[in-house]
C-alpha cells in the first residue's frame, strides 16, 4: 500500500452553538461552528437535511445561495437568512 499523502491534518479549538427554531413551514436544527479557519466565516450544518456550508455575511447577500446550498424554497431561505444575519 502506498504511503498516505496528507494535505493537512490539524486539530483546532472550536466554539459550537446548537440552535433549533421553528419557521413558518419547517423546523431548523443547526450546528454553528466557529473557529480560526474559514477567514472568520461559520460552518453551518443543517442537522435535518445533512447539508452544510461555510457562511459569512457576503454569502448571505448572494442571491439564491441559501436556497441552493440547503435546498430551500424562497420563504424558508428568507427565515434562515434572517436568523443567520443575527449571528454572522
N, C-alpha and C. Protein backbone atom coordinates (compact mmCIF):
# COMPACT_ATOMS: atom_id res chain seq x y z
N UNK A 1 0.84 -1.18 0.00
CA UNK A 1 0.00 0.00 0.00
C UNK A 1 0.88 1.24 0.00
N UNK A 2 0.52 2.23 -0.80
CA UNK A 2 1.29 3.46 -0.89
C UNK A 2 1.11 4.29 0.38
N UNK A 3 2.13 5.07 0.67
CA UNK A 3 2.06 5.93 1.84
C UNK A 3 1.01 7.02 1.62
N UNK A 4 0.22 7.28 2.65
CA UNK A 4 -0.85 8.29 2.55
C UNK A 4 -0.22 9.67 2.51
N UNK A 5 -0.70 10.51 1.60
CA UNK A 5 -0.21 11.88 1.45
C UNK A 5 -1.27 12.84 1.99
N UNK A 6 -1.00 13.47 3.13
CA UNK A 6 -1.94 14.40 3.75
C UNK A 6 -1.70 15.81 3.21
N UNK A 7 -2.76 16.48 2.85
CA UNK A 7 -2.66 17.89 2.52
C UNK A 7 -2.57 18.70 3.80
N UNK A 8 -3.33 18.30 4.81
CA UNK A 8 -3.18 18.82 6.16
C UNK A 8 -3.86 17.88 7.12
N UNK A 9 -3.46 17.95 8.37
CA UNK A 9 -4.04 17.14 9.44
C UNK A 9 -3.84 17.93 10.72
N UNK A 10 -4.84 18.73 11.07
CA UNK A 10 -4.72 19.64 12.20
C UNK A 10 -5.90 19.48 13.14
N UNK A 11 -5.68 19.80 14.39
CA UNK A 11 -6.74 19.86 15.38
C UNK A 11 -6.83 21.30 15.85
N UNK A 12 -8.05 21.87 15.82
CA UNK A 12 -8.22 23.26 16.23
C UNK A 12 -9.32 23.36 17.28
N UNK A 13 -9.25 24.40 18.09
CA UNK A 13 -10.29 24.70 19.07
C UNK A 13 -11.47 25.32 18.32
N UNK A 14 -12.68 24.92 18.68
CA UNK A 14 -13.88 25.48 18.07
C UNK A 14 -14.88 25.87 19.13
N UNK A 15 -15.79 26.73 18.74
CA UNK A 15 -16.94 27.08 19.56
C UNK A 15 -18.15 26.65 18.75
N UNK A 16 -18.98 25.79 19.33
CA UNK A 16 -20.13 25.26 18.61
C UNK A 16 -21.41 25.66 19.32
N UNK A 17 -22.34 26.17 18.54
CA UNK A 17 -23.66 26.54 19.06
C UNK A 17 -24.69 25.65 18.38
N UNK A 18 -25.54 25.01 19.18
CA UNK A 18 -26.64 24.22 18.65
C UNK A 18 -27.91 25.02 18.86
N UNK A 19 -28.66 25.22 17.80
CA UNK A 19 -29.88 26.02 17.90
C UNK A 19 -30.98 25.36 17.07
N UNK A 20 -32.18 25.38 17.62
CA UNK A 20 -33.34 24.84 16.93
C UNK A 20 -34.45 25.88 17.00
N UNK A 21 -35.07 26.17 15.85
CA UNK A 21 -36.20 27.09 15.86
C UNK A 21 -37.20 26.66 14.80
N UNK A 22 -38.42 27.06 15.03
CA UNK A 22 -39.49 26.71 14.11
C UNK A 22 -39.80 27.89 13.22
N UNK A 23 -39.72 27.67 11.92
CA UNK A 23 -40.12 28.68 10.95
C UNK A 23 -41.59 28.52 10.64
N UNK A 24 -42.08 29.26 9.66
CA UNK A 24 -43.48 29.14 9.26
C UNK A 24 -43.81 27.75 8.73
N UNK A 25 -42.87 27.17 7.97
CA UNK A 25 -43.13 25.90 7.29
C UNK A 25 -42.31 24.73 7.79
N UNK A 26 -41.21 25.00 8.44
CA UNK A 26 -40.34 23.90 8.84
C UNK A 26 -39.52 24.25 10.06
N UNK A 27 -38.98 23.21 10.66
CA UNK A 27 -38.10 23.34 11.82
C UNK A 27 -36.66 23.38 11.31
N UNK A 28 -35.85 24.21 11.94
CA UNK A 28 -34.43 24.29 11.63
C UNK A 28 -33.65 23.80 12.85
N UNK A 29 -32.83 22.80 12.67
CA UNK A 29 -31.90 22.31 13.69
C UNK A 29 -30.50 22.53 13.15
N UNK A 30 -29.79 23.46 13.75
CA UNK A 30 -28.49 23.87 13.22
C UNK A 30 -27.37 23.65 14.22
N UNK A 31 -26.21 23.33 13.71
CA UNK A 31 -24.96 23.36 14.47
C UNK A 31 -24.11 24.43 13.80
N UNK A 32 -23.73 25.44 14.55
CA UNK A 32 -22.97 26.56 14.02
C UNK A 32 -21.59 26.52 14.65
N UNK A 33 -20.59 26.29 13.83
CA UNK A 33 -19.23 26.08 14.32
C UNK A 33 -18.35 27.26 13.95
N UNK A 34 -17.67 27.80 14.96
CA UNK A 34 -16.78 28.93 14.77
C UNK A 34 -15.36 28.50 15.15
N UNK A 35 -14.41 28.82 14.27
CA UNK A 35 -13.00 28.53 14.55
C UNK A 35 -12.15 29.60 13.90
N UNK A 36 -10.84 29.44 14.00
CA UNK A 36 -9.95 30.42 13.36
C UNK A 36 -9.73 30.10 11.88
N UNK A 37 -10.40 29.09 11.39
CA UNK A 37 -10.33 28.74 9.97
C UNK A 37 -11.43 29.46 9.21
N UNK A 38 -11.44 29.37 7.94
CA UNK A 38 -12.50 29.90 7.07
C UNK A 38 -12.61 31.41 7.10
N UNK A 39 -11.55 32.10 7.44
CA UNK A 39 -11.46 33.55 7.33
C UNK A 39 -12.60 34.26 8.05
N UNK A 40 -12.95 33.81 9.24
CA UNK A 40 -13.99 34.45 10.04
C UNK A 40 -15.40 34.01 9.71
N UNK A 41 -15.55 33.10 8.77
CA UNK A 41 -16.87 32.60 8.43
C UNK A 41 -17.24 31.45 9.36
N UNK A 42 -18.49 31.05 9.32
CA UNK A 42 -19.01 29.99 10.18
C UNK A 42 -19.33 28.76 9.34
N UNK A 43 -19.12 27.60 9.93
CA UNK A 43 -19.54 26.35 9.32
C UNK A 43 -20.93 26.07 9.88
N UNK A 44 -21.95 26.11 9.01
CA UNK A 44 -23.34 25.97 9.44
C UNK A 44 -23.89 24.65 8.91
N UNK A 45 -24.18 23.74 9.84
CA UNK A 45 -24.71 22.43 9.49
C UNK A 45 -26.21 22.40 9.76
N UNK A 46 -26.99 22.00 8.77
CA UNK A 46 -28.41 21.79 8.95
C UNK A 46 -28.57 20.31 9.30
N UNK A 47 -28.86 20.01 10.54
CA UNK A 47 -28.91 18.64 11.01
C UNK A 47 -30.12 17.88 10.48
N UNK A 48 -31.15 18.59 10.04
CA UNK A 48 -32.34 17.95 9.47
C UNK A 48 -32.07 17.41 8.07
N UNK A 49 -31.34 18.18 7.28
CA UNK A 49 -31.13 17.80 5.88
C UNK A 49 -29.74 17.24 5.59
N UNK A 50 -28.87 17.24 6.59
CA UNK A 50 -27.49 16.78 6.39
C UNK A 50 -26.75 17.60 5.34
N UNK A 51 -27.03 18.89 5.30
CA UNK A 51 -26.34 19.81 4.38
C UNK A 51 -25.58 20.84 5.21
N UNK A 52 -24.49 21.33 4.66
CA UNK A 52 -23.70 22.32 5.37
C UNK A 52 -23.07 23.30 4.40
N UNK A 53 -22.66 24.45 4.94
CA UNK A 53 -21.98 25.46 4.14
C UNK A 53 -21.10 26.30 5.05
N UNK A 54 -20.10 26.90 4.45
CA UNK A 54 -19.26 27.88 5.13
C UNK A 54 -19.87 29.23 4.79
N UNK A 55 -20.34 29.95 5.82
CA UNK A 55 -21.15 31.14 5.57
C UNK A 55 -20.61 32.36 6.29
N UNK A 56 -20.52 33.43 5.54
CA UNK A 56 -20.20 34.75 6.07
C UNK A 56 -21.25 35.73 5.57
N UNK A 57 -21.12 36.97 5.96
CA UNK A 57 -22.10 37.98 5.56
C UNK A 57 -22.19 38.10 4.04
N UNK A 58 -21.06 38.00 3.35
CA UNK A 58 -21.08 38.10 1.90
C UNK A 58 -21.90 36.97 1.26
N UNK A 59 -21.88 35.79 1.85
CA UNK A 59 -22.66 34.68 1.33
C UNK A 59 -24.15 34.91 1.53
N UNK A 60 -24.53 35.52 2.64
CA UNK A 60 -25.93 35.79 2.90
C UNK A 60 -26.50 36.80 1.92
N UNK A 61 -25.65 37.67 1.41
CA UNK A 61 -26.08 38.68 0.43
C UNK A 61 -26.16 38.11 -0.98
N UNK A 62 -25.59 36.95 -1.21
CA UNK A 62 -25.57 36.33 -2.54
C UNK A 62 -26.95 35.77 -2.87
N UNK A 63 -27.60 36.28 -3.91
CA UNK A 63 -28.94 35.79 -4.26
C UNK A 63 -28.94 34.29 -4.56
N UNK A 64 -29.87 33.59 -3.94
CA UNK A 64 -30.04 32.16 -4.20
C UNK A 64 -29.06 31.24 -3.51
N UNK A 65 -28.13 31.78 -2.72
CA UNK A 65 -27.10 30.94 -2.11
C UNK A 65 -27.68 29.94 -1.12
N UNK A 66 -28.44 30.42 -0.15
CA UNK A 66 -29.01 29.51 0.84
C UNK A 66 -30.03 28.57 0.20
N UNK A 67 -30.78 29.07 -0.75
CA UNK A 67 -31.76 28.23 -1.45
C UNK A 67 -31.07 27.04 -2.10
N UNK A 68 -29.93 27.29 -2.72
CA UNK A 68 -29.19 26.24 -3.42
C UNK A 68 -28.51 25.28 -2.45
N UNK A 69 -27.77 25.83 -1.51
CA UNK A 69 -26.98 25.00 -0.59
C UNK A 69 -27.85 24.10 0.27
N UNK A 70 -28.92 24.68 0.83
CA UNK A 70 -29.76 23.93 1.75
C UNK A 70 -31.04 23.39 1.10
N UNK A 71 -31.17 23.59 -0.23
CA UNK A 71 -32.34 23.12 -0.96
C UNK A 71 -33.64 23.61 -0.32
N UNK A 72 -33.74 24.94 -0.16
CA UNK A 72 -34.89 25.56 0.48
C UNK A 72 -35.69 26.38 -0.52
N UNK A 73 -36.97 26.52 -0.25
CA UNK A 73 -37.76 27.44 -1.07
C UNK A 73 -37.45 28.87 -0.60
N UNK A 74 -37.95 29.85 -1.33
CA UNK A 74 -37.62 31.24 -1.03
C UNK A 74 -38.04 31.66 0.38
N UNK A 75 -39.22 31.24 0.81
CA UNK A 75 -39.74 31.64 2.12
C UNK A 75 -38.90 31.05 3.26
N UNK A 76 -38.56 29.76 3.16
CA UNK A 76 -37.75 29.12 4.20
C UNK A 76 -36.34 29.69 4.22
N UNK A 77 -35.79 29.95 3.04
CA UNK A 77 -34.44 30.54 2.97
C UNK A 77 -34.43 31.94 3.58
N UNK A 78 -35.50 32.69 3.39
CA UNK A 78 -35.59 34.03 3.98
C UNK A 78 -35.55 33.95 5.50
N UNK A 79 -36.28 32.99 6.08
CA UNK A 79 -36.27 32.83 7.54
C UNK A 79 -34.89 32.44 8.04
N UNK A 80 -34.23 31.53 7.34
CA UNK A 80 -32.89 31.12 7.75
C UNK A 80 -31.92 32.28 7.60
N UNK A 81 -32.02 33.02 6.51
CA UNK A 81 -31.13 34.17 6.27
C UNK A 81 -31.29 35.20 7.38
N UNK A 82 -32.53 35.50 7.77
CA UNK A 82 -32.77 36.48 8.82
C UNK A 82 -32.14 36.03 10.14
N UNK A 83 -32.23 34.75 10.45
CA UNK A 83 -31.58 34.25 11.67
C UNK A 83 -30.06 34.35 11.56
N UNK A 84 -29.51 33.93 10.45
CA UNK A 84 -28.05 33.91 10.30
C UNK A 84 -27.46 35.33 10.31
N UNK A 85 -28.20 36.32 9.82
CA UNK A 85 -27.73 37.70 9.90
C UNK A 85 -27.52 38.14 11.35
N UNK A 86 -28.26 37.54 12.28
CA UNK A 86 -28.12 37.90 13.69
C UNK A 86 -26.81 37.39 14.29
N UNK A 87 -26.23 36.35 13.71
CA UNK A 87 -25.04 35.77 14.32
C UNK A 87 -23.77 35.99 13.51
N UNK A 88 -23.91 36.27 12.24
CA UNK A 88 -22.73 36.42 11.37
C UNK A 88 -22.21 37.84 11.42
